[in-house]
Each structure stands twice: as structure tokens, then as C-alpha cells.
C-alpha atoms as a PDB file:
ATOM      1  CA  MET A   1      35.690  10.931  61.689  1.00  0.00           C
ATOM      2  CA  SER A   2      37.481  11.386  58.418  1.00  0.00           C
ATOM      3  CA  THR A   3      37.497   7.604  57.746  1.00  0.00           C
ATOM      4  CA  LYS A   4      33.776   7.297  58.510  1.00  0.00           C
ATOM      5  CA  TYR A   5      33.011  10.181  56.166  1.00  0.00           C
ATOM      6  CA  SER A   6      35.032   8.574  53.364  1.00  0.00           C
ATOM      7  CA  LEU A   7      33.224   5.240  53.880  1.00  0.00           C
ATOM      8  CA  ASN A   8      29.784   6.899  53.700  1.00  0.00           C
ATOM      9  CA  THR A   9      30.860   8.749  50.602  1.00  0.00           C
ATOM     10  CA  PHE A  10      31.982   5.487  49.005  1.00  0.00           C
ATOM     11  CA  LYS A  11      28.645   3.818  49.866  1.00  0.00           C
ATOM     12  CA  LYS A  12      26.707   6.674  48.284  1.00  0.00           C
ATOM     13  CA  PHE A  13      28.918   6.567  45.211  1.00  0.00           C
ATOM     14  CA  PHE A  14      28.466   2.774  44.963  1.00  0.00           C
ATOM     15  CA  ARG A  15      24.665   3.053  45.190  1.00  0.00           C
ATOM     16  CA  PHE A  16      24.666   5.816  42.596  1.00  0.00           C
ATOM     17  CA  SER A  17      26.848   3.691  40.293  1.00  0.00           C
ATOM     18  CA  LEU A  18      24.443   0.758  40.595  1.00  0.00           C
ATOM     19  CA  LEU A  19      21.494   3.039  39.840  1.00  0.00           C
ATOM     20  CA  LEU A  20      23.300   4.485  36.829  1.00  0.00           C
ATOM     21  CA  LEU A  21      24.190   1.007  35.591  1.00  0.00           C
ATOM     22  CA  SER A  22      20.594  -0.124  36.043  1.00  0.00           C
ATOM     23  CA  PHE A  23      19.356   2.898  34.099  1.00  0.00           C
ATOM     24  CA  THR A  24      21.859   2.205  31.323  1.00  0.00           C
ATOM     25  CA  LEU A  25      20.690  -1.393  31.031  1.00  0.00           C
ATOM     26  CA  VAL A  26      17.085  -0.239  30.853  1.00  0.00           C
ATOM     27  CA  VAL A  27      17.916   2.264  28.129  1.00  0.00           C
ATOM     28  CA  ASN A  28      19.470  -0.555  26.134  1.00  0.00           C
ATOM     29  CA  GLY A  29      16.399  -2.744  26.734  1.00  0.00           C
ATOM     30  CA  LEU A  30      13.177  -1.250  25.362  1.00  0.00           C
ATOM     31  CA  ARG A  31      13.492  -0.709  21.597  1.00  0.00           C
ATOM     32  CA  LEU A  32      10.990   0.016  18.865  1.00  0.00           C
ATOM     33  CA  THR A  33      12.624  -1.973  16.066  1.00  0.00           C
ATOM     34  CA  ASN A  34      10.358  -1.236  13.108  1.00  0.00           C
ATOM     35  CA  MET A  35       7.121   0.435  12.114  1.00  0.00           C
ATOM     36  CA  THR A  36       5.612  -0.337   8.715  1.00  0.00           C
ATOM     37  CA  ALA A  37       3.055   1.878   7.011  1.00  0.00           C
ATOM     38  CA  PRO A  38       2.355   2.828   3.381  1.00  0.00           C
ATOM     39  CA  VAL A  39       3.641   6.096   1.972  1.00  0.00           C
ATOM     40  CA  VAL A  40       0.421   6.434  -0.012  1.00  0.00           C
ATOM     41  CA  ALA A  41      -2.665   4.392   0.911  1.00  0.00           C
ATOM     42  CA  ASP A  42      -5.415   3.653  -1.601  1.00  0.00           C
ATOM     43  CA  SER A  43      -8.807   4.695  -0.248  1.00  0.00           C
ATOM     44  CA  ARG A  44     -10.373   1.634  -1.892  1.00  0.00           C
ATOM     45  CA  LYS A  45      -8.155  -0.736   0.095  1.00  0.00           C
ATOM     46  CA  ILE A  46      -7.619  -1.633   3.737  1.00  0.00           C
ATOM     47  CA  MET A  47      -4.607   0.142   5.234  1.00  0.00           C
ATOM     48  CA  GLU A  48      -2.341  -1.918   7.474  1.00  0.00           C
ATOM     49  CA  LEU A  49      -0.179  -0.507  10.250  1.00  0.00           C
ATOM     50  CA  ASP A  50       2.368  -2.675  12.044  1.00  0.00           C
ATOM     51  CA  CYS A  51       4.718  -1.880  14.902  1.00  0.00           C
ATOM     52  CA  HIS A  52       7.517  -4.227  16.056  1.00  0.00           C
ATOM     53  CA  PHE A  53       9.433  -3.798  19.308  1.00  0.00           C
ATOM     54  CA  ASP A  54      11.861  -5.576  21.625  1.00  0.00           C
ATOM     55  CA  MET A  55      11.135  -5.393  25.364  1.00  0.00           C
ATOM     56  CA  GLU A  56      14.154  -7.531  26.381  1.00  0.00           C
ATOM     57  CA  THR A  57      14.043  -7.635  30.226  1.00  0.00           C
ATOM     58  CA  GLU A  58      11.200  -5.126  30.607  1.00  0.00           C
ATOM     59  CA  GLU A  59       7.471  -5.778  30.827  1.00  0.00           C
ATOM     60  CA  LEU A  60       5.156  -4.239  28.265  1.00  0.00           C
ATOM     61  CA  TYR A  61       2.751  -1.752  29.798  1.00  0.00           C
ATOM     62  CA  ALA A  62       0.919  -0.419  26.733  1.00  0.00           C
ATOM     63  CA  VAL A  63       0.985   0.048  22.972  1.00  0.00           C
ATOM     64  CA  LYS A  64      -0.763   3.191  21.773  1.00  0.00           C
ATOM     65  CA  TRP A  65      -1.538   4.363  18.245  1.00  0.00           C
ATOM     66  CA  TYR A  66      -2.063   8.031  17.364  1.00  0.00           C
ATOM     67  CA  LYS A  67      -3.116  10.016  14.327  1.00  0.00           C
ATOM     68  CA  ASP A  68      -1.974  13.643  14.394  1.00  0.00           C
ATOM     69  CA  ASP A  69      -1.311  13.297  18.159  1.00  0.00           C
ATOM     70  CA  GLN A  70      -4.832  11.983  18.848  1.00  0.00           C
ATOM     71  CA  GLU A  71      -4.929   8.500  20.382  1.00  0.00           C
ATOM     72  CA  PHE A  72      -7.258   6.099  18.576  1.00  0.00           C
ATOM     73  CA  PHE A  73      -6.114   2.680  19.848  1.00  0.00           C
ATOM     74  CA  ARG A  74      -4.604   1.228  23.025  1.00  0.00           C
ATOM     75  CA  TYR A  75      -3.404  -2.268  23.920  1.00  0.00           C
ATOM     76  CA  MET A  76      -2.668  -3.038  27.605  1.00  0.00           C
ATOM     77  CA  PRO A  77      -1.885  -6.741  28.198  1.00  0.00           C
ATOM     78  CA  HIS A  78      -2.143  -6.611  32.009  1.00  0.00           C
ATOM     79  CA  GLN A  79      -5.434  -4.747  32.247  1.00  0.00           C
ATOM     80  CA  GLN A  80      -9.036  -5.417  31.336  1.00  0.00           C
ATOM     81  CA  PRO A  81     -10.152  -4.821  28.720  1.00  0.00           C
ATOM     82  CA  HIS A  82      -6.878  -5.453  26.868  1.00  0.00           C
ATOM     83  CA  VAL A  83      -7.970  -3.368  23.872  1.00  0.00           C
ATOM     84  CA  MET A  84      -9.552   0.081  23.772  1.00  0.00           C
ATOM     85  CA  SER A  85     -10.376   2.357  20.828  1.00  0.00           C
ATOM     86  CA  PHE A  86     -11.176   6.049  20.714  1.00  0.00           C
ATOM     87  CA  PRO A  87     -13.027   8.100  18.064  1.00  0.00           C
ATOM     88  CA  VAL A  88     -10.730  10.090  15.779  1.00  0.00           C
ATOM     89  CA  SER A  89     -11.854  11.668  12.506  1.00  0.00           C
ATOM     90  CA  GLY A  90     -10.898   9.570   9.478  1.00  0.00           C
ATOM     91  CA  VAL A  91      -9.811   6.529  11.519  1.00  0.00           C
ATOM     92  CA  TYR A  92     -11.968   3.384  11.347  1.00  0.00           C
ATOM     93  CA  LEU A  93     -10.616   0.095  12.657  1.00  0.00           C
ATOM     94  CA  VAL A  94     -11.571  -3.118  10.864  1.00  0.00           C
ATOM     95  CA  PRO A  95     -13.561  -5.061  13.519  1.00  0.00           C
ATOM     96  CA  PHE A  96     -11.718  -7.984  15.155  1.00  0.00           C
ATOM     97  CA  SER A  97      -8.616  -7.402  13.004  1.00  0.00           C
ATOM     98  CA  THR A  98      -6.146  -6.221  15.647  1.00  0.00           C
ATOM     99  CA  ASP A  99      -3.170  -8.473  16.382  1.00  0.00           C
ATOM    100  CA  CYS A 100      -1.098  -7.305  19.343  1.00  0.00           C
ATOM    101  CA  GLY A 101       1.329  -9.067  21.668  1.00  0.00           C
ATOM    102  CA  ARG A 102       4.676  -8.774  23.420  1.00  0.00           C
ATOM    103  CA  GLN A 103       6.630  -8.178  20.194  1.00  0.00           C
ATOM    104  CA  HIS A 104       4.318  -6.398  17.758  1.00  0.00           C
ATOM    105  CA  CYS A 105       0.960  -4.691  17.297  1.00  0.00           C
ATOM    106  CA  LYS A 106      -0.813  -4.720  13.930  1.00  0.00           C
ATOM    107  CA  LEU A 107      -3.953  -2.786  12.978  1.00  0.00           C
ATOM    108  CA  GLN A 108      -6.119  -2.543   9.879  1.00  0.00           C
ATOM    109  CA  LEU A 109      -8.019   0.629   8.945  1.00  0.00           C
ATOM    110  CA  THR A 110     -10.921   0.963   6.516  1.00  0.00           C
ATOM    111  CA  LYS A 111     -13.216   3.675   5.076  1.00  0.00           C
ATOM    112  CA  LEU A 112     -10.187   5.792   4.207  1.00  0.00           C
ATOM    113  CA  SER A 113     -10.688   9.393   3.110  1.00  0.00           C
ATOM    114  CA  ARG A 114      -8.062  11.565   1.452  1.00  0.00           C
ATOM    115  CA  HIS A 115      -9.003  14.657   3.456  1.00  0.00           C
ATOM    116  CA  HIS A 116      -9.621  13.007   6.837  1.00  0.00           C
ATOM    117  CA  SER A 117      -7.446   9.881   6.939  1.00  0.00           C
ATOM    118  CA  SER A 118      -4.183  11.404   5.690  1.00  0.00           C
ATOM    119  CA  GLY A 119      -1.826  12.462   8.446  1.00  0.00           C
ATOM    120  CA  ALA A 120       0.964  11.509  10.866  1.00  0.00           C
ATOM    121  CA  TYR A 121       0.511   8.060  12.411  1.00  0.00           C
ATOM    122  CA  ARG A 122       2.525   7.201  15.521  1.00  0.00           C
ATOM    123  CA  CYS A 123       3.159   3.945  17.340  1.00  0.00           C
ATOM    124  CA  GLU A 124       4.147   4.417  20.988  1.00  0.00           C
ATOM    125  CA  ILE A 125       5.178   1.655  23.390  1.00  0.00           C
ATOM    126  CA  SER A 126       5.800   1.939  27.118  1.00  0.00           C
ATOM    127  CA  SER A 127       7.223  -0.344  29.802  1.00  0.00           C
ATOM    128  CA  GLU A 128       5.833  -1.231  33.233  1.00  0.00           C
ATOM    129  CA  ALA A 129       6.855   0.350  36.531  1.00  0.00           C
ATOM    130  CA  PRO A 130       9.220   1.478  37.808  1.00  0.00           C
ATOM    131  CA  THR A 131      10.721   2.822  34.593  1.00  0.00           C
ATOM    132  CA  PHE A 132       7.611   3.637  32.471  1.00  0.00           C
ATOM    133  CA  ARG A 133       9.930   4.280  29.543  1.00  0.00           C
ATOM    134  CA  LEU A 134       8.603   5.275  26.124  1.00  0.00           C
ATOM    135  CA  ALA A 135       9.649   4.572  22.542  1.00  0.00           C
ATOM    136  CA  ALA A 136       7.813   5.858  19.476  1.00  0.00           C
ATOM    137  CA  GLU A 137       7.988   6.152  15.706  1.00  0.00           C
ATOM    138  CA  THR A 138       5.919   8.277  13.318  1.00  0.00           C
ATOM    139  CA  HIS A 139       5.121   7.872   9.620  1.00  0.00           C
ATOM    140  CA  ASN A 140       3.336  10.380   7.416  1.00  0.00           C
ATOM    141  CA  ILE A 141       0.658   8.729   5.270  1.00  0.00           C
ATOM    142  CA  ALA A 142      -1.173  10.274   2.329  1.00  0.00           C
ATOM    143  CA  VAL A 143      -4.486   8.739   1.274  1.00  0.00           C
ATOM    144  CA  ALA A 144      -5.461   8.809  -2.388  1.00  0.00           C
ATOM    145  CA  THR A 145      -7.797   7.018  -4.773  1.00  0.00           C
ATOM    146  CA  LEU A 146      -5.323   5.556  -7.233  1.00  0.00           C
ATOM    147  CA  PRO A 147      -6.114   4.927 -10.910  1.00  0.00           C
ATOM    148  CA  LEU A 148      -6.919   1.259 -11.463  1.00  0.00           C
ATOM    149  CA  GLU A 149      -5.980   1.184 -15.155  1.00  0.00           C
ATOM    150  CA  ARG A 150      -3.192   2.357 -17.397  1.00  0.00           C
ATOM    151  CA  PRO A 151      -3.747   5.541 -19.457  1.00  0.00           C
ATOM    152  CA  LYS A 152      -5.959   4.857 -22.472  1.00  0.00           C
ATOM    153  CA  LEU A 153      -4.425   5.828 -25.822  1.00  0.00           C
ATOM    154  CA  GLU A 154      -6.693   6.352 -28.828  1.00  0.00           C
ATOM    155  CA  GLY A 155      -5.944   7.297 -32.442  1.00  0.00           C
ATOM    156  CA  LEU A 156      -2.334   6.108 -32.678  1.00  0.00           C
ATOM    157  CA  GLN A 157      -1.345   4.170 -35.804  1.00  0.00           C
ATOM    158  CA  ASP A 158       1.453   1.640 -36.146  1.00  0.00           C
ATOM    159  CA  ALA A 159       3.277   3.657 -38.831  1.00  0.00           C
ATOM    160  CA  TYR A 160       3.279   7.160 -40.335  1.00  0.00           C
ATOM    161  CA  SER A 161       4.692   8.608 -43.563  1.00  0.00           C
ATOM    162  CA  GLU A 162       6.061  12.036 -44.402  1.00  0.00           C
ATOM    163  CA  GLY A 163       3.197  14.527 -44.570  1.00  0.00           C
ATOM    164  CA  ASP A 164       0.877  12.489 -42.310  1.00  0.00           C
ATOM    165  CA  MET A 165      -0.882  14.103 -39.391  1.00  0.00           C
ATOM    166  CA  LEU A 166      -0.606  12.350 -36.048  1.00  0.00           C
ATOM    167  CA  GLU A 167      -3.704  12.864 -33.931  1.00  0.00           C
ATOM    168  CA  ALA A 168      -4.092  10.908 -30.702  1.00  0.00           C
ATOM    169  CA  ASN A 169      -5.741  11.210 -27.318  1.00  0.00           C
ATOM    170  CA  CYS A 170      -4.708  10.071 -23.841  1.00  0.00           C
ATOM    171  CA  SER A 171      -7.289   9.591 -21.078  1.00  0.00           C
ATOM    172  CA  SER A 172      -6.744   8.645 -17.449  1.00  0.00           C
ATOM    173  CA  SER A 173      -8.897   6.449 -15.273  1.00  0.00           C
ATOM    174  CA  PRO A 174     -10.647   8.205 -12.337  1.00  0.00           C
ATOM    175  CA  SER A 175      -8.528   9.136  -9.329  1.00  0.00           C
ATOM    176  CA  ASP A 176      -8.198  11.539  -6.422  1.00  0.00           C
ATOM    177  CA  PRO A 177      -6.122  13.694  -6.459  1.00  0.00           C
ATOM    178  CA  ALA A 178      -6.464  14.589 -10.118  1.00  0.00           C
ATOM    179  CA  PRO A 179      -4.125  12.602 -12.398  1.00  0.00           C
ATOM    180  CA  ILE A 180      -1.153  14.210 -14.126  1.00  0.00           C
ATOM    181  CA  LEU A 181      -1.097  13.506 -17.882  1.00  0.00           C
ATOM    182  CA  THR A 182       2.148  13.973 -19.797  1.00  0.00           C
ATOM    183  CA  TRP A 183       2.956  13.130 -23.436  1.00  0.00           C
ATOM    184  CA  TYR A 184       6.480  11.974 -24.329  1.00  0.00           C
ATOM    185  CA  ILE A 185       8.122  11.659 -27.764  1.00  0.00           C
ATOM    186  CA  ASN A 186      11.339   9.610 -27.840  1.00  0.00           C
ATOM    187  CA  ASP A 187      11.647   9.926 -24.036  1.00  0.00           C
ATOM    188  CA  HIS A 188      11.330  13.743 -24.205  1.00  0.00           C
ATOM    189  CA  GLN A 189       8.319  15.652 -22.931  1.00  0.00           C
ATOM    190  CA  ALA A 190       6.233  16.857 -25.856  1.00  0.00           C
ATOM    191  CA  PRO A 191       6.227  20.647 -26.482  1.00  0.00           C
ATOM    192  CA  ILE A 192       3.094  22.316 -25.177  1.00  0.00           C
ATOM    193  CA  GLU A 193       2.241  23.687 -28.639  1.00  0.00           C
ATOM    194  CA  LEU A 194       1.607  20.117 -29.833  1.00  0.00           C
ATOM    195  CA  LEU A 195      -1.024  19.496 -27.177  1.00  0.00           C
ATOM    196  CA  GLY A 196      -4.737  20.161 -27.178  1.00  0.00           C
ATOM    197  CA  GLU A 197      -6.743  21.630 -24.313  1.00  0.00           C
ATOM    198  CA  MET A 198      -6.936  19.497 -21.175  1.00  0.00           C
ATOM    199  CA  ARG A 199     -10.435  18.143 -20.597  1.00  0.00           C
ATOM    200  CA  ILE A 200     -11.566  17.290 -17.061  1.00  0.00           C
ATOM    201  CA  TRP A 201     -14.485  15.256 -15.669  1.00  0.00           C
ATOM    202  CA  ASP A 202     -15.393  15.051 -11.983  1.00  0.00           C
ATOM    203  CA  THR A 203     -17.588  12.133 -10.909  1.00  0.00           C
ATOM    204  CA  GLU A 204     -18.368  11.638  -7.225  1.00  0.00           C
ATOM    205  CA  GLY A 205     -15.082  13.253  -6.224  1.00  0.00           C
ATOM    206  CA  LEU A 206     -12.935  11.263  -8.676  1.00  0.00           C
ATOM    207  CA  VAL A 207     -11.269  13.140 -11.521  1.00  0.00           C
ATOM    208  CA  THR A 208     -10.676  11.925 -15.080  1.00  0.00           C
ATOM    209  CA  ARG A 209      -8.464  13.902 -17.452  1.00  0.00           C
ATOM    210  CA  SER A 210      -7.917  13.742 -21.190  1.00  0.00           C
ATOM    211  CA  VAL A 211      -5.401  15.525 -23.442  1.00  0.00           C
ATOM    212  CA  SER A 212      -4.714  15.176 -27.175  1.00  0.00           C
ATOM    213  CA  ILE A 213      -1.539  15.537 -29.233  1.00  0.00           C
ATOM    214  CA  HIS A 214      -1.271  16.478 -32.920  1.00  0.00           C
ATOM    215  CA  PHE A 215       1.500  17.336 -35.378  1.00  0.00           C
ATOM    216  CA  TRP A 216       2.558  16.886 -39.012  1.00  0.00           C
ATOM    217  CA  PHE A 217       5.451  14.662 -40.034  1.00  0.00           C
ATOM    218  CA  VAL A 218       8.027  16.737 -41.940  1.00  0.00           C
ATOM    219  CA  ALA A 219      10.936  15.453 -44.050  1.00  0.00           C
ATOM    220  CA  LYS A 220      14.175  15.032 -42.067  1.00  0.00           C
ATOM    221  CA  SER A 221      12.312  15.902 -38.900  1.00  0.00           C
ATOM    222  CA  ALA A 222      13.396  14.352 -35.642  1.00  0.00           C
ATOM    223  CA  LEU A 223       9.803  13.187 -35.364  1.00  0.00           C
ATOM    224  CA  VAL A 224       9.922  10.866 -38.395  1.00  0.00           C
ATOM    225  CA  LEU A 225      11.355   8.051 -36.296  1.00  0.00           C
ATOM    226  CA  PHE A 226       9.516   8.270 -33.029  1.00  0.00           C
ATOM    227  CA  VAL A 227       7.948   6.606 -30.051  1.00  0.00           C
ATOM    228  CA  VAL A 228       4.945   8.241 -28.452  1.00  0.00           C
ATOM    229  CA  GLU A 229       4.165   7.429 -24.843  1.00  0.00           C
ATOM    230  CA  ALA A 230       1.871   8.772 -22.149  1.00  0.00           C
ATOM    231  CA  ALA A 231       2.216   8.746 -18.386  1.00  0.00           C
ATOM    232  CA  SER A 232      -0.710   9.157 -16.033  1.00  0.00           C
ATOM    233  CA  PHE A 233      -0.277   9.794 -12.303  1.00  0.00           C
ATOM    234  CA  VAL A 234       1.264   6.429 -11.431  1.00  0.00           C
ATOM    235  CA  GLY A 235      -0.043   4.181 -14.177  1.00  0.00           C
ATOM    236  CA  CYS A 236      -2.086   1.202 -13.128  1.00  0.00           C
ATOM    237  CA  TYR A 237      -2.761   0.243  -9.505  1.00  0.00           C
ATOM    238  CA  GLY A 238      -0.679  -2.933  -9.725  1.00  0.00           C
ATOM    239  CA  VAL A 239       2.469  -1.013 -10.653  1.00  0.00           C
ATOM    240  CA  TRP A 240       1.813   1.611  -7.991  1.00  0.00           C
ATOM    241  CA  SER A 241       1.201  -1.008  -5.319  1.00  0.00           C
ATOM    242  CA  LYS A 242       4.502  -2.747  -6.081  1.00  0.00           C
ATOM    243  CA  LEU A 243       6.357   0.586  -6.159  1.00  0.00           C
ATOM    244  CA  ASN A 244       4.810   1.410  -2.798  1.00  0.00           C
ATOM    245  CA  THR A 245       5.921  -1.815  -1.087  1.00  0.00           C
ATOM    246  CA  ASP A 246       9.039  -3.148  -2.843  1.00  0.00           C
ATOM    247  CA  ARG A 247      12.336  -1.205  -2.777  1.00  0.00           C
ATOM    248  CA  GLU A 248      14.028  -3.757  -5.070  1.00  0.00           C
ATOM    249  CA  PHE A 249      11.295  -3.196  -7.656  1.00  0.00           C
ATOM    250  CA  ARG A 250      11.800   0.570  -7.346  1.00  0.00           C
ATOM    251  CA  ASN A 251      15.522   0.077  -8.012  1.00  0.00           C
ATOM    252  CA  THR A 252      14.736  -1.956 -11.146  1.00  0.00           C
ATOM    253  CA  VAL A 253      12.376   0.774 -12.355  1.00  0.00           C
ATOM    254  CA  ARG A 254      15.061   3.392 -11.579  1.00  0.00           C
ATOM    255  CA  GLN A 255      17.465   1.620 -13.918  1.00  0.00           C
ATOM    256  CA  LYS A 256      15.055   0.796 -16.736  1.00  0.00           C
ATOM    257  CA  VAL A 257      12.269   3.424 -16.690  1.00  0.00           C
ATOM    258  CA  PRO A 258      13.466   6.302 -14.452  1.00  0.00           C
ATOM    259  CA  ILE A 259      10.603   8.618 -15.446  1.00  0.00           C
ATOM    260  CA  ILE A 260       8.102   6.293 -13.728  1.00  0.00           C
ATOM    261  CA  LEU A 261      10.072   6.268 -10.484  1.00  0.00           C
ATOM    262  CA  GLU A 262      10.455  10.057 -10.640  1.00  0.00           C
ATOM    263  CA  THR A 263       6.666  10.372 -11.038  1.00  0.00           C
ATOM    264  CA  TYR A 264       6.164   8.072  -8.041  1.00  0.00           C
ATOM    265  CA  TYR A 265       8.519  10.121  -5.863  1.00  0.00           C
ATOM    266  CA  THR A 266       6.994  13.439  -6.994  1.00  0.00           C
ATOM    267  CA  ILE A 267       3.423  12.337  -6.258  1.00  0.00           C
ATOM    268  CA  GLY A 268       4.389  11.094  -2.803  1.00  0.00           C
ATOM    269  CA  GLU A 269       6.164  14.360  -1.987  1.00  0.00           C
ATOM    270  CA  LYS A 270       3.253  16.489  -3.221  1.00  0.00           C
ATOM    271  CA  LEU A 271       0.798  14.442  -1.133  1.00  0.00           C
ATOM    272  CA  GLY A 272       2.900  15.013   1.953  1.00  0.00           C
ATOM    273  CA  GLY A 273       4.173  11.473   2.498  1.00  0.00           C
ATOM    274  CA  ASP A 274       7.559  10.418   3.879  1.00  0.00           C
ATOM    275  CA  ASN A 275      10.609  11.368   1.811  1.00  0.00           C
ATOM    276  CA  ILE A 276      10.989   7.855   0.436  1.00  0.00           C
ATOM    277  CA  ARG A 277      13.358   9.148  -2.264  1.00  0.00           C
ATOM    278  CA  GLU A 278      16.079   9.972   0.283  1.00  0.00           C
ATOM    279  CA  ILE A 279      15.494   6.725   2.188  1.00  0.00           C
ATOM    280  CA  ASP A 280      15.785   4.668  -1.007  1.00  0.00           C
ATOM    281  CA  TYR A 281      18.950   6.342  -2.250  1.00  0.00           C
ATOM    282  CA  GLU A 282      20.608   6.116   1.152  1.00  0.00           C
ATOM    283  CA  GLN A 283      19.887   2.374   1.281  1.00  0.00           C
ATOM    284  CA  TRP A 284      21.027   1.817  -2.315  1.00  0.00           C
ATOM    285  CA  ARG A 285      24.291   3.638  -1.586  1.00  0.00           C
ATOM    286  CA  LYS A 286      24.907   1.352   1.386  1.00  0.00           C
ATOM    287  CA  GLU A 287      24.213  -1.672  -0.815  1.00  0.00           C
ATOM    288  CA  GLY A 288      26.434  -0.363  -3.637  1.00  0.00           C
ATOM    289  CA  LYS A 289      23.563  -0.239  -6.140  1.00  0.00           C
ATOM    290  CA  LEU A 290      24.174   3.260  -7.473  1.00  0.00           C
ATOM    291  CA  LEU A 291      27.201   2.390  -9.609  1.00  0.00           C
ATOM    292  CA  ASP A 292      25.089   2.830 -12.747  1.00  0.00           C
ATOM    293  CA  LYS A 293      24.425   6.482 -11.886  1.00  0.00           C
END
């Protein structure tokens, strides 16, 4: 009786061990390896979302995309139809642009709106029976209408003499949210008493700003030898786009023109995007690229 009981106990323990081992292997199988999404998306452009995953020995059941916990897209390879979409405010799929398979699922969104398309986007993958395991990743995306041109400077001369009056104006190109205009003299922010009143124009929801600077050149003043610069929001779209997609470019800007990178980080944080600053610095530390700090 005692031997029989011990044998049954061993059999139960063996079955449980196999089940536990099977579960462990499954846990190590399904992996969401990478989700790519912009920190800030330009409302004039098409926004691309891409999700990469590794099923290993498991079968893919479904890939689902959500915005603010509302499902707007589903891909199910073993069911008909394979692709389904659902109405969600601010989310508009580009027709016939989806590219989904066993290893990734890429979408393109259009008609972006700052107030309706910004939010938390999640990619969720699940495996077939019997496990029906889930893996997911979420990125916060802020939508904005970025300025397409650099700030426009007017009134600056190539050289000034003692006693001359410097009068200049800086204007931004239209954007949403409103651009941030800042004057700098020799890499230092200009005192507010040197600035004129900020002028603002609003055209079809896009804001243009303009601010002037004026001061006299005085003998032995620190302003006699000077460089005057202006920064607007994120400068031109080309620079912003490269900052938004290329970490190596951001590191180069950090070393050469840190004020531009700081503006980029600040705008992203104010718009509610991912904390790309911390992600960048963590990666640069791992790569040993912060030795110049």
C-alpha cells in the first residue's frame, strides 16, 4: 500500500514536471521583439506603425492594434477575413497599405489630428490554442503640425559699430502647437528687456509667431562681438524628421548644438510623447558615448 502510494505520487509529480517544463518553453517562445512608432507624428504626413515578433514554436492567432485601449485593427491569419478594422476617433488606415504576416505587422495611418490622433498606441499579439498567450507593447504618440521652414530673420546686418542700434525680427512658419521663439546672443538667451512684444497669427488652426529684438551697441560691451541666433520650435521639418528617427544624429546634435536637442526633448515631453531623453542617454551610456559630458 505504501509502495503503490509512492508510485502514484511519483507519476503525479512527473506529469506536473512535464507540464511545468512545457509552460516554461512556451513562455520562452512567444516574444514581441520590437515596436516602432514616432514620438511626434506630423499631421501632414502618413504615420507608420510596425510591430515585430517571434512566435518560435507557437502558431500566431491574432495581431491587434489599439489606440487608448480601443481596438482599431485585427489580423487573424487562420480566419476569414484575415483583416478587420474598427472605427476609432482619429484613426484612419491608408487603404490597402497593411502588411502583416508571421513575423511582423505594419500599418499606415492618415488624416492625423493633434487632438484626436494623439494617444497611446498598442500592438498586441496572441498565440493559438491551447496557450492563447499574449504579448504587447505600447508607445505614446503626439501628433503635431511641424514647421516646414527655418525661422525667418529680418533686419540683421553683417556688421555693427559702437553706437549702432540693432533691430531685427524673427518669424516662425505656421505650426500646431504654437511655436516657441527664443533669441540667443553668443549662445545665451537674450534678456527679456531686449525683446519686443510677441505677435501671433492664427490661420486655420496653425499658429505663426513673431518677436523682435533691439539694443544699442555700447563701448566695451559684451555685445560688441556677438552672434545673434533664433530658435523656433524645432527648426525646419527636415531637421525634426531626422531627430525623430535617427539616434546617431541626435547624438551628433547633442555634441555640437545641444540647445537644439534640448528643444527637441522639451517639445516631445510637453506633447506627452515617450521619454526619449532617458532612452537615448541610457543607450549612449551603454555604448560609451557620454565621455564628452
